[in-house]
Every structure is written in C-alpha cells, then in structure tokens.
Amino acid sequence: MACDQALMQQMRGYRLATAEILYHMPDHPGLLQSYVWQDYDIAPAYPVLSDFLTFWGKELEGPIHSVRVAGKRLISAAELRAVSVFGLV
C-alpha cells in the first residue's frame, strides 16, 4: 500500500489492526499454530479482518481456534494540523 493511500485511510477512521489467530494444524489437530495478521481496518466491526477470516474458513485448512485483536489509531485530531511551508498555508 502506498504511503498516501495509508494516510487517506487513517484520515477516514481506519486504524492499524493486529490479530493473533490461533488455529488447529491440519495434520495434527491437537496442536495449535499462531498466525499474525495486520492491516488497516475500522474498529469495532473490523470488516477487513472479518473478510479475511471468512476467506480463511472457506479456502484454508486448519480450523480457527481463537482470534485476539488489537487496534491502534495512528493519527488523532490533536496530532493533525496545518503547517506553513514557504508561506503556502
């Protein structure tokens, strides 16, 4: 994702979301494996993560055991301000 696209998403309320997905290994169902997913998403619904988990359930082996999600807003209103560069602002 280009830097300007990431910034535009953040301006629209997206935040950096990280999910730890624990799943049962296909060949050894008694063992759990961890997968870390990270993308820009909107809390609290997390539609991008939901789409990924739907894809996982349909296309990948290894049933999901649990998902732990954390989200961090990278830009807040107090951190965004106009800056004058050579008198343009």
C-alpha atoms as a PDB file:
ATOM      1  CA  MET A   1       0.000   0.000   0.000  1.00  0.00           C
ATOM      2  CA  ALA A   2       1.381   3.391  -0.954  1.00  0.00           C
ATOM      3  CA  CYS A   3       2.094   5.882   1.811  1.00  0.00           C
ATOM      4  CA  ASP A   4      -0.547   8.334   0.589  1.00  0.00           C
ATOM      5  CA  GLN A   5      -3.203   5.592   0.499  1.00  0.00           C
ATOM      6  CA  ALA A   6      -2.380   4.613   4.095  1.00  0.00           C
ATOM      7  CA  LEU A   7      -2.647   8.251   5.184  1.00  0.00           C
ATOM      8  CA  MET A   8      -6.006   8.668   3.417  1.00  0.00           C
ATOM      9  CA  GLN A   9      -7.345   5.543   5.122  1.00  0.00           C
ATOM     10  CA  GLN A  10      -6.237   6.865   8.506  1.00  0.00           C
ATOM     11  CA  MET A  11      -7.982  10.168   7.791  1.00  0.00           C
ATOM     12  CA  ARG A  12     -11.197   8.177   7.135  1.00  0.00           C
ATOM     13  CA  GLY A  13     -11.005   6.491  10.562  1.00  0.00           C
ATOM     14  CA  TYR A  14      -9.054   3.357   9.747  1.00  0.00           C
ATOM     15  CA  ARG A  15      -6.548   2.195  12.333  1.00  0.00           C
ATOM     16  CA  LEU A  16      -3.725  -0.310  12.321  1.00  0.00           C
ATOM     17  CA  ALA A  17      -5.309  -3.589  13.416  1.00  0.00           C
ATOM     18  CA  THR A  18      -3.338  -6.630  14.504  1.00  0.00           C
ATOM     19  CA  ALA A  19      -4.892 -10.044  15.041  1.00  0.00           C
ATOM     20  CA  GLU A  20      -3.301 -13.149  16.502  1.00  0.00           C
ATOM     21  CA  ILE A  21      -5.094 -16.129  15.023  1.00  0.00           C
ATOM     22  CA  LEU A  22      -4.679 -19.482  16.759  1.00  0.00           C
ATOM     23  CA  TYR A  23      -5.649 -22.412  14.575  1.00  0.00           C
ATOM     24  CA  HIS A  24      -5.511 -26.197  14.679  1.00  0.00           C
ATOM     25  CA  MET A  25      -2.771 -27.630  12.474  1.00  0.00           C
ATOM     26  CA  PRO A  26      -4.377 -29.679   9.667  1.00  0.00           C
ATOM     27  CA  ASP A  27      -2.103 -32.734  10.087  1.00  0.00           C
ATOM     28  CA  HIS A  28      -2.032 -32.541  13.903  1.00  0.00           C
ATOM     29  CA  PRO A  29      -5.411 -31.186  15.123  1.00  0.00           C
ATOM     30  CA  GLY A  30      -4.307 -31.404  18.763  1.00  0.00           C
ATOM     31  CA  LEU A  31      -1.625 -28.757  18.151  1.00  0.00           C
ATOM     32  CA  LEU A  32      -2.243 -25.030  17.798  1.00  0.00           C
ATOM     33  CA  GLN A  33      -0.284 -22.761  15.467  1.00  0.00           C
ATOM     34  CA  SER A  34      -0.201 -18.958  15.627  1.00  0.00           C
ATOM     35  CA  TYR A  35      -0.617 -16.586  12.669  1.00  0.00           C
ATOM     36  CA  VAL A  36      -0.293 -12.800  12.977  1.00  0.00           C
ATOM     37  CA  TRP A  37      -2.402 -10.689  10.579  1.00  0.00           C
ATOM     38  CA  GLN A  38      -2.026  -6.909  10.253  1.00  0.00           C
ATOM     39  CA  ASP A  39      -3.839  -4.368   8.069  1.00  0.00           C
ATOM     40  CA  TYR A  40      -5.728  -1.074   8.257  1.00  0.00           C
ATOM     41  CA  ASP A  41      -9.287  -1.628   9.476  1.00  0.00           C
ATOM     42  CA  ILE A  42     -12.196   0.135  11.194  1.00  0.00           C
ATOM     43  CA  ALA A  43     -12.994  -0.657  14.843  1.00  0.00           C
ATOM     44  CA  PRO A  44     -15.101  -2.070  16.385  1.00  0.00           C
ATOM     45  CA  ALA A  45     -16.583  -4.029  13.444  1.00  0.00           C
ATOM     46  CA  TYR A  46     -13.212  -4.786  11.743  1.00  0.00           C
ATOM     47  CA  PRO A  47     -14.734  -5.534   8.300  1.00  0.00           C
ATOM     48  CA  VAL A  48     -11.344  -6.177   6.631  1.00  0.00           C
ATOM     49  CA  LEU A  49     -10.436  -8.751   9.291  1.00  0.00           C
ATOM     50  CA  SER A  50     -13.909 -10.300   9.037  1.00  0.00           C
ATOM     51  CA  ASP A  51     -13.455 -10.724   5.281  1.00  0.00           C
ATOM     52  CA  PHE A  52     -10.064 -12.362   5.856  1.00  0.00           C
ATOM     53  CA  LEU A  53     -11.493 -14.760   8.449  1.00  0.00           C
ATOM     54  CA  THR A  54     -14.336 -15.657   6.052  1.00  0.00           C
ATOM     55  CA  PHE A  55     -11.739 -16.373   3.341  1.00  0.00           C
ATOM     56  CA  TRP A  56      -9.762 -18.493   5.828  1.00  0.00           C
ATOM     57  CA  GLY A  57     -12.806 -20.574   6.725  1.00  0.00           C
ATOM     58  CA  LYS A  58     -13.663 -21.244   3.066  1.00  0.00           C
ATOM     59  CA  GLU A  59     -10.230 -21.652   1.474  1.00  0.00           C
ATOM     60  CA  LEU A  60      -7.637 -22.700   4.072  1.00  0.00           C
ATOM     61  CA  GLU A  61      -7.168 -25.861   6.059  1.00  0.00           C
ATOM     62  CA  GLY A  62      -6.757 -25.572   9.787  1.00  0.00           C
ATOM     63  CA  PRO A  63      -9.877 -24.600  11.726  1.00  0.00           C
ATOM     64  CA  ILE A  64      -9.567 -21.402  13.732  1.00  0.00           C
ATOM     65  CA  HIS A  65      -9.410 -21.879  17.490  1.00  0.00           C
ATOM     66  CA  SER A  66      -9.430 -18.229  18.590  1.00  0.00           C
ATOM     67  CA  VAL A  67      -8.685 -14.680  17.428  1.00  0.00           C
ATOM     68  CA  ARG A  68      -7.258 -11.885  19.568  1.00  0.00           C
ATOM     69  CA  VAL A  69      -7.480  -8.362  18.107  1.00  0.00           C
ATOM     70  CA  ALA A  70      -5.722  -5.103  18.976  1.00  0.00           C
ATOM     71  CA  GLY A  71      -6.152  -1.767  17.214  1.00  0.00           C
ATOM     72  CA  LYS A  72      -4.186   1.456  17.422  1.00  0.00           C
ATOM     73  CA  ARG A  73      -5.207   4.785  15.963  1.00  0.00           C
ATOM     74  CA  LEU A  74      -2.070   6.190  14.321  1.00  0.00           C
ATOM     75  CA  ILE A  75      -3.359   9.719  13.736  1.00  0.00           C
ATOM     76  CA  SER A  76      -5.569  11.572  16.170  1.00  0.00           C
ATOM     77  CA  ALA A  77      -7.154  15.007  15.887  1.00  0.00           C
ATOM     78  CA  ALA A  78      -4.608  16.562  18.256  1.00  0.00           C
ATOM     79  CA  GLU A  79      -1.731  15.343  16.066  1.00  0.00           C
ATOM     80  CA  LEU A  80      -3.069  16.655  12.768  1.00  0.00           C
ATOM     81  CA  ARG A  81      -2.500  20.332  11.986  1.00  0.00           C
ATOM     82  CA  ALA A  82      -1.661  22.542   9.018  1.00  0.00           C
ATOM     83  CA  VAL A  83       1.961  23.518   8.695  1.00  0.00           C
ATOM     84  CA  SER A  84       3.105  26.568   6.769  1.00  0.00           C
ATOM     85  CA  VAL A  85       5.783  25.758   4.221  1.00  0.00           C
ATOM     86  CA  PHE A  86       7.201  28.801   2.472  1.00  0.00           C
ATOM     87  CA  GLY A  87       4.031  30.749   3.238  1.00  0.00           C
ATOM     88  CA  LEU A  88       1.711  28.378   1.346  1.00  0.00           C
ATOM     89  CA  VAL A  89      -0.680  27.729   4.240  1.00  0.00           C
END
